[in-house]
Amino acid sequence: MSPELTSEARKEIFGQATGFRKEPVPEAMKSATKNGKPGSNGVLFTRRELLAAHERALKRADKMTAQEGFASLVKAGICTPEGKLSPRYGG
């Protein structure tokens, strides 16, 4: 019968077996957004606001040509310029 492993021992064995090491969490996290505008600060949108945004996005997509739609997928990193899914999306 083998001795029971403590949770700390399990973590150590897991780390050794997988090479997995957790980085310590920094004291101060970056809070600025990439575009310089303040974020929503945890405020949730209402159902009406979400539906309105969805409707605007659908109207914008309906007006796009196939080339514009493809270009937006490439710009978003979903597809490669060759038309394949990017690695992030399983390509």
Protein backbone atom coordinates (compact mmCIF):
# COMPACT_ATOMS: atom_id res chain seq x y z
CA MET A 1 0.00 0.00 0.00
CA SER A 2 1.47 3.35 -1.04
CA PRO A 3 1.41 6.40 1.24
CA GLU A 4 -1.13 9.14 0.52
CA LEU A 5 0.18 12.16 -1.35
CA THR A 6 -0.54 15.59 0.02
CA SER A 7 -1.84 18.22 -2.35
CA GLU A 8 1.54 19.98 -2.24
CA ALA A 9 3.34 16.75 -3.15
CA ARG A 10 0.89 16.19 -6.02
CA LYS A 11 1.55 19.70 -7.33
CA GLU A 12 5.30 19.13 -7.17
CA ILE A 13 5.07 15.79 -8.98
CA PHE A 14 2.77 17.28 -11.60
CA GLY A 15 5.18 20.17 -12.12
CA GLN A 16 8.13 17.83 -12.51
CA ALA A 17 6.31 15.46 -14.87
CA THR A 18 4.91 18.14 -17.17
CA GLY A 19 7.45 20.93 -16.79
CA PHE A 20 4.53 23.12 -15.76
CA ARG A 21 5.43 26.05 -13.58
CA LYS A 22 3.03 28.75 -12.55
CA GLU A 23 4.30 32.27 -12.83
CA PRO A 24 3.60 34.41 -9.77
CA VAL A 25 0.81 36.90 -10.25
CA PRO A 26 2.18 40.44 -10.53
CA GLU A 27 1.16 42.87 -7.82
CA ALA A 28 -0.15 45.43 -10.31
CA MET A 29 -1.96 44.29 -13.44
CA LYS A 30 -2.20 46.42 -16.56
CA SER A 31 -5.63 47.97 -16.73
CA ALA A 32 -5.39 50.18 -19.80
CA THR A 33 -7.17 49.08 -22.94
CA LYS A 34 -5.34 48.87 -26.25
CA ASN A 35 -7.33 51.70 -27.81
CA GLY A 36 -6.93 54.06 -24.86
CA LYS A 37 -10.67 54.23 -24.17
CA PRO A 38 -11.92 53.21 -20.75
CA GLY A 39 -13.46 49.75 -20.55
CA SER A 40 -17.00 48.98 -19.47
CA ASN A 41 -15.74 48.57 -15.88
CA GLY A 42 -17.91 45.53 -15.29
CA VAL A 43 -21.16 47.17 -16.38
CA LEU A 44 -23.30 44.70 -18.27
CA PHE A 45 -25.30 45.72 -21.31
CA THR A 46 -29.05 45.34 -21.28
CA ARG A 47 -30.81 42.84 -23.53
CA ARG A 48 -32.13 45.74 -25.64
CA GLU A 49 -28.60 47.18 -26.10
CA LEU A 50 -27.19 43.78 -27.06
CA LEU A 51 -29.96 43.16 -29.58
CA ALA A 52 -29.47 46.62 -31.08
CA ALA A 53 -25.70 46.02 -31.43
CA HIS A 54 -26.38 42.63 -33.02
CA GLU A 55 -28.81 44.20 -35.49
CA ARG A 56 -26.25 46.88 -36.43
CA ALA A 57 -23.58 44.22 -36.97
CA LEU A 58 -25.90 42.17 -39.19
CA LYS A 59 -26.78 45.22 -41.28
CA ARG A 60 -23.08 46.05 -41.68
CA ALA A 61 -22.31 42.44 -42.69
CA ASP A 62 -25.20 42.40 -45.20
CA LYS A 63 -23.74 45.45 -46.96
CA MET A 64 -20.28 43.84 -47.32
CA THR A 65 -19.10 42.26 -50.52
CA ALA A 66 -17.60 38.77 -50.34
CA GLN A 67 -14.13 40.28 -50.62
CA GLU A 68 -14.79 42.73 -47.79
CA GLY A 69 -16.16 39.93 -45.60
CA PHE A 70 -13.12 37.76 -46.28
CA ALA A 71 -10.79 40.70 -45.59
CA SER A 72 -12.49 41.26 -42.22
CA LEU A 73 -11.99 37.57 -41.31
CA VAL A 74 -8.29 37.86 -42.18
CA LYS A 75 -7.96 41.13 -40.23
CA ALA A 76 -9.62 39.52 -37.20
CA GLY A 77 -7.15 36.62 -37.38
CA ILE A 78 -9.82 33.99 -38.03
CA CYS A 79 -8.60 33.08 -41.52
CA THR A 80 -5.24 33.25 -43.25
CA PRO A 81 -4.89 35.18 -46.51
CA GLU A 82 -4.80 31.78 -48.24
CA GLY A 83 -8.33 31.03 -47.01
CA LYS A 84 -7.48 28.47 -44.32
CA LEU A 85 -8.52 28.72 -40.68
CA SER A 86 -5.79 30.25 -38.55
CA PRO A 87 -4.07 27.93 -36.05
CA ARG A 88 -5.93 29.62 -33.23
CA TYR A 89 -9.21 28.40 -34.73
CA GLY A 90 -8.05 24.89 -35.53
CA GLY A 91 -6.43 25.41 -38.94
